[in-house]
Protein backbone atom coordinates (compact mmCIF):
# COMPACT_ATOMS: atom_id res chain seq x y z
CA UNK A 1 142.55 39.08 119.21
CA UNK A 2 143.21 42.44 120.94
CA UNK A 3 143.27 43.95 117.26
CA UNK A 4 140.43 42.29 116.30
CA UNK A 5 138.33 43.78 118.97
CA UNK A 6 139.82 47.14 118.45
CA UNK A 7 138.54 47.35 114.92
CA UNK A 8 135.38 45.70 115.86
CA UNK A 9 135.03 48.66 118.27
CA UNK A 10 135.78 51.11 115.82
CA UNK A 11 133.51 49.85 113.24
CA UNK A 12 130.64 49.82 115.66
CA UNK A 13 131.86 53.53 116.50
CA UNK A 14 131.79 54.66 112.85
CA UNK A 15 128.26 52.98 112.37
CA UNK A 16 127.08 54.70 115.36
CA UNK A 17 128.36 58.11 114.14
CA UNK A 18 126.94 57.54 110.72
CA UNK A 19 123.48 56.86 112.24
CA UNK A 20 123.87 59.82 114.34
CA UNK A 21 124.57 61.99 111.46
CA UNK A 22 121.95 60.44 109.29
CA UNK A 23 119.04 61.01 111.79
CA UNK A 24 120.69 64.77 112.23
CA UNK A 25 119.89 65.34 108.45
CA UNK A 26 116.80 63.70 108.34
CA UNK A 27 115.58 65.89 111.42
CA UNK A 28 117.08 68.80 109.87
CA UNK A 29 115.15 68.40 106.60
CA UNK A 30 111.88 67.87 108.36
CA UNK A 31 112.45 70.87 110.27
CA UNK A 32 113.45 73.15 107.12
CA UNK A 33 110.10 71.62 105.65
CA UNK A 34 107.95 72.65 108.63
CA UNK A 35 109.30 75.97 108.27
CA UNK A 36 108.51 76.62 104.66
CA UNK A 37 105.36 74.80 104.75
CA UNK A 38 101.98 76.64 104.13
CA UNK A 39 100.23 79.15 104.41
CA UNK A 40 97.23 78.60 101.72
CA UNK A 41 97.56 82.59 101.11
CA UNK A 42 99.97 85.29 101.70
CA UNK A 43 99.20 88.77 101.64
CA UNK A 44 101.98 91.23 100.70
CA UNK A 45 101.71 94.92 100.91
CA UNK A 46 101.55 98.21 102.70
CA UNK A 47 99.23 99.63 105.47
CA UNK A 48 96.26 98.91 103.16
CA UNK A 49 96.91 95.20 103.36
CA UNK A 50 98.01 95.20 106.94
CA UNK A 51 94.87 97.21 108.25
CA UNK A 52 92.70 94.19 107.07
CA UNK A 53 92.00 90.82 109.10
CA UNK A 54 92.40 88.54 106.02
CA UNK A 55 92.30 85.30 108.41
CA UNK A 56 88.90 86.24 109.41
CA UNK A 57 87.94 86.93 105.72
CA UNK A 58 89.16 83.47 104.70
CA UNK A 59 88.33 81.40 107.76
CA UNK A 60 89.00 77.89 105.77
CA UNK A 61 92.41 78.85 104.56
CA UNK A 62 95.86 79.07 106.46
CA UNK A 63 96.60 83.09 106.08
CA UNK A 64 99.63 85.17 106.84
CA UNK A 65 99.24 89.03 106.58
CA UNK A 66 102.44 90.57 105.68
CA UNK A 67 101.39 93.95 105.01
CA UNK A 68 103.90 96.48 106.36
CA UNK A 69 102.96 100.34 107.03
CA UNK A 70 105.02 102.75 104.91
CA UNK A 71 106.41 99.88 102.61
CA UNK A 72 107.00 101.14 99.09
CA UNK A 73 108.29 99.04 95.98
CA UNK A 74 112.02 99.85 97.22
CA UNK A 75 111.82 98.49 100.69
CA UNK A 76 109.69 95.71 99.84
CA UNK A 77 112.37 94.33 97.58
CA UNK A 78 114.59 93.48 100.33
CA UNK A 79 111.78 91.56 102.26
CA UNK A 80 111.35 88.88 99.58
CA UNK A 81 114.41 86.66 100.54
CA UNK A 82 113.28 86.47 104.22
CA UNK A 83 109.62 85.63 103.34
CA UNK A 84 110.78 83.17 100.80
CA UNK A 85 112.74 81.39 103.56
CA UNK A 86 109.59 81.30 105.96
CA UNK A 87 106.73 80.71 103.88
CA UNK A 88 105.54 78.17 100.76
CA UNK A 89 102.06 79.79 99.90
CA UNK A 90 99.76 78.33 97.58
CA UNK A 91 98.45 81.95 96.55
CA UNK A 92 100.03 85.54 97.09
CA UNK A 93 98.14 88.85 96.81
CA UNK A 94 100.34 91.46 96.15
CA UNK A 95 99.40 95.27 96.39
CA UNK A 96 102.01 98.08 96.59
CA UNK A 97 102.23 101.45 95.25
CA UNK A 98 100.48 104.33 96.61
CA UNK A 99 103.49 105.26 99.13
CA UNK A 100 105.82 105.74 95.99
CA UNK A 101 103.62 108.41 95.26
CA UNK A 102 104.25 110.22 98.35
CA UNK A 103 107.09 112.97 98.67
CA UNK A 104 106.94 115.02 95.65
CA UNK A 105 109.67 117.92 96.78
CA UNK A 106 107.33 121.15 96.33
CA UNK A 107 104.01 118.87 96.79
CA UNK A 108 103.11 120.73 99.72
CA UNK A 109 103.76 124.43 98.89
CA UNK A 110 100.11 125.24 97.53
CA UNK A 111 98.71 124.34 101.01
CA UNK A 112 101.56 126.81 102.40
CA UNK A 113 100.58 129.50 99.92
CA UNK A 114 96.92 128.73 101.02
CA UNK A 115 97.62 129.34 104.49
CA UNK A 116 100.04 132.31 104.05
CA UNK A 117 97.42 134.40 101.96
CA UNK A 118 94.43 133.33 103.71
CA UNK A 119 92.15 133.80 100.65
CA UNK A 120 93.74 136.88 99.69
CA UNK A 121 95.25 137.41 96.16
CA UNK A 122 93.25 134.46 94.95
CA UNK A 123 94.55 134.98 91.14
CA UNK A 124 98.21 134.83 92.43
CA UNK A 125 97.57 131.94 94.34
CA UNK A 126 95.61 129.85 91.56
CA UNK A 127 98.37 130.66 89.28
CA UNK A 128 101.14 129.52 91.80
CA UNK A 129 99.00 126.26 92.09
CA UNK A 130 98.91 125.50 88.65
CA UNK A 131 102.55 125.94 88.12
CA UNK A 132 103.49 123.76 91.09
CA UNK A 133 100.78 120.95 90.38
CA UNK A 134 102.85 120.81 86.79
CA UNK A 135 105.95 120.67 88.71
CA UNK A 136 104.71 117.90 90.97
CA UNK A 137 103.10 115.91 88.17
CA UNK A 138 106.32 116.17 86.20
CA UNK A 139 108.35 114.73 89.24
CA UNK A 140 105.98 111.99 89.31
CA UNK A 141 105.36 111.00 85.78
CA UNK A 142 109.39 111.42 84.82
CA UNK A 143 110.94 110.28 88.00
CA UNK A 144 108.91 108.56 90.87
CA UNK A 145 106.57 106.46 88.52
CA UNK A 146 109.45 105.26 86.42
CA UNK A 147 111.83 104.30 89.40
CA UNK A 148 108.56 102.28 90.85
CA UNK A 149 108.27 100.79 87.53
CA UNK A 150 111.86 99.38 87.65
CA UNK A 151 111.10 98.12 91.17
CA UNK A 152 108.21 96.25 90.14
CA UNK A 153 110.39 94.66 87.60
CA UNK A 154 112.86 93.53 90.25
CA UNK A 155 109.88 92.68 92.85
CA UNK A 156 107.78 90.60 90.56
CA UNK A 157 110.88 88.88 89.19
CA UNK A 158 111.97 88.00 92.71
CA UNK A 159 108.50 86.74 93.76
CA UNK A 160 108.52 84.39 90.75
CA UNK A 161 111.93 83.06 91.34
CA UNK A 162 111.14 82.95 95.38
CA UNK A 163 107.76 80.91 94.42
CA UNK A 164 107.76 79.25 91.27
CA UNK A 165 104.64 76.98 92.09
CA UNK A 166 102.49 79.82 93.68
CA UNK A 167 99.57 81.59 92.13
CA UNK A 168 100.58 85.18 92.48
CA UNK A 169 97.80 87.96 91.98
CA UNK A 170 98.97 91.55 91.46
CA UNK A 171 96.58 94.02 92.65
CA UNK A 172 96.19 97.47 90.93
CA UNK A 173 97.36 100.54 93.08
CA UNK A 174 93.86 102.30 94.62
CA UNK A 175 93.12 106.21 94.04
CA UNK A 176 92.64 108.31 96.80
CA UNK A 177 89.89 110.56 98.37
CA UNK A 178 91.51 113.77 96.84
CA UNK A 179 89.79 116.27 99.23
CA UNK A 180 90.52 114.41 102.27
CA UNK A 181 93.86 113.52 101.45
CA UNK A 182 94.76 117.36 100.71
CA UNK A 183 93.16 118.47 103.82
CA UNK A 184 95.48 115.81 105.84
CA UNK A 185 98.69 116.13 103.95
CA UNK A 186 98.61 119.65 101.95
CA UNK A 187 98.48 118.18 98.70
CA UNK A 188 96.84 115.56 96.21
CA UNK A 189 97.79 112.53 94.17
CA UNK A 190 96.34 113.03 90.94
CA UNK A 191 94.23 109.88 89.58
CA UNK A 192 96.06 110.26 86.34
CA UNK A 193 99.36 109.59 88.10
CA UNK A 194 98.03 106.38 90.03
CA UNK A 195 96.73 105.43 86.51
CA UNK A 196 99.99 105.65 84.83
CA UNK A 197 101.48 103.36 87.51
CA UNK A 198 98.75 100.94 87.05
CA UNK A 199 99.48 100.92 83.52
CA UNK A 200 103.21 99.76 84.01
CA UNK A 201 102.18 97.42 86.92
CA UNK A 202 99.47 95.87 84.44
CA UNK A 203 102.16 95.58 81.50
CA UNK A 204 104.65 93.87 83.93
CA UNK A 205 102.18 91.33 85.40
CA UNK A 206 100.72 90.14 82.10
CA UNK A 207 104.37 89.64 80.61
CA UNK A 208 105.47 87.51 83.63
CA UNK A 209 102.27 85.47 83.60
CA UNK A 210 100.98 86.86 86.68
CA UNK A 211 97.04 87.40 87.41
CA UNK A 212 96.46 91.41 87.34
CA UNK A 213 93.43 92.34 89.60
CA UNK A 214 92.36 95.71 88.46
CA UNK A 215 90.79 97.15 91.78
CA UNK A 216 91.06 100.70 90.94
CA UNK A 217 87.46 101.21 89.09
CA UNK A 218 85.96 99.85 92.43
CA UNK A 219 86.82 102.57 94.23
CA UNK A 220 86.09 105.44 91.85
CA UNK A 221 82.97 107.82 92.03
CA UNK A 222 82.29 111.13 93.62
CA UNK A 223 84.06 113.07 96.39
CA UNK A 224 81.02 111.89 98.66
CA UNK A 225 81.43 108.18 97.45
CA UNK A 226 84.85 108.19 98.11
CA UNK A 227 84.79 109.70 101.48
CA UNK A 228 82.84 106.60 102.16
CA UNK A 229 85.68 104.36 101.35
CA UNK A 230 88.69 106.21 102.71
CA UNK A 231 89.05 107.17 106.24
CA UNK A 232 92.13 109.89 105.69
CA UNK A 233 92.20 109.90 101.90
CA UNK A 234 94.23 106.77 101.40
CA UNK A 235 93.42 104.27 104.13
CA UNK A 236 90.16 102.52 103.83
CA UNK A 237 87.00 102.73 106.32
CA UNK A 238 85.49 99.46 107.11
CA UNK A 239 83.04 100.08 103.96
CA UNK A 240 86.44 100.19 101.78
CA UNK A 241 87.76 96.99 103.62
CA UNK A 242 84.81 95.16 102.61
CA UNK A 243 84.93 96.15 98.96
CA UNK A 244 88.53 95.11 98.95
CA UNK A 245 87.72 91.89 100.77
CA UNK A 246 85.24 91.29 98.22
CA UNK A 247 87.20 91.79 95.19
CA UNK A 248 90.08 89.35 96.62
CA UNK A 249 87.50 86.72 97.59
CA UNK A 250 86.17 86.55 94.28
CA UNK A 251 89.69 86.27 92.73
CA UNK A 252 90.78 83.41 95.25
CA UNK A 253 87.92 81.29 94.73
CA UNK A 254 88.09 81.64 91.01
CA UNK A 255 91.66 80.11 90.89
């Protein structure tokens, strides 16, 4: 009789333990689902993305802004896994690349020569500038841009793996306001370098079945036009932000 009660007691204890484990698993699964639900739209990029109030622009959607100032294609790769664990967006808008064109090793030398000569020996200055511009352009064309292309391959592949059911919109890199950019940084990022980077980005996007959004033509124009769109040569004024928002809003509503 004692043995029977012991067996029954053990059975009830095992049943209670099983129920506890089952409830814990259900709770954990529900919690995990809650951690990875939504938003409707995820914006992923650098400061150009970070500085826009996307939620205000899309009031009827749940939006998360994952723009990070200073981000480039290399740094962004490490962020994909963390974002994958946190979010399951319906749509993703991705824009990165302008920071990859910063930092040519001798980019600022023309600016330094200008200050040193203070307008004298203009022929020597122009010759030095042309040589240095050629060196910088070669550096971007043969080193930085191909490196960014390889990073794009890794980034976009990781994004598709992380969010197989999301609509992913890859936005082109914007041009700069070269005159203002030079005044602030001592060098320029040539339009042709941005175009080369965009050509690589477009090909990778199309090959992988993403939606490519060519924003570049919207921000071209004269120096006067660009100065109305860019505050410091690369970041957007309110007018520039509204132009970006309008283009994104149009694409977001098409799909």
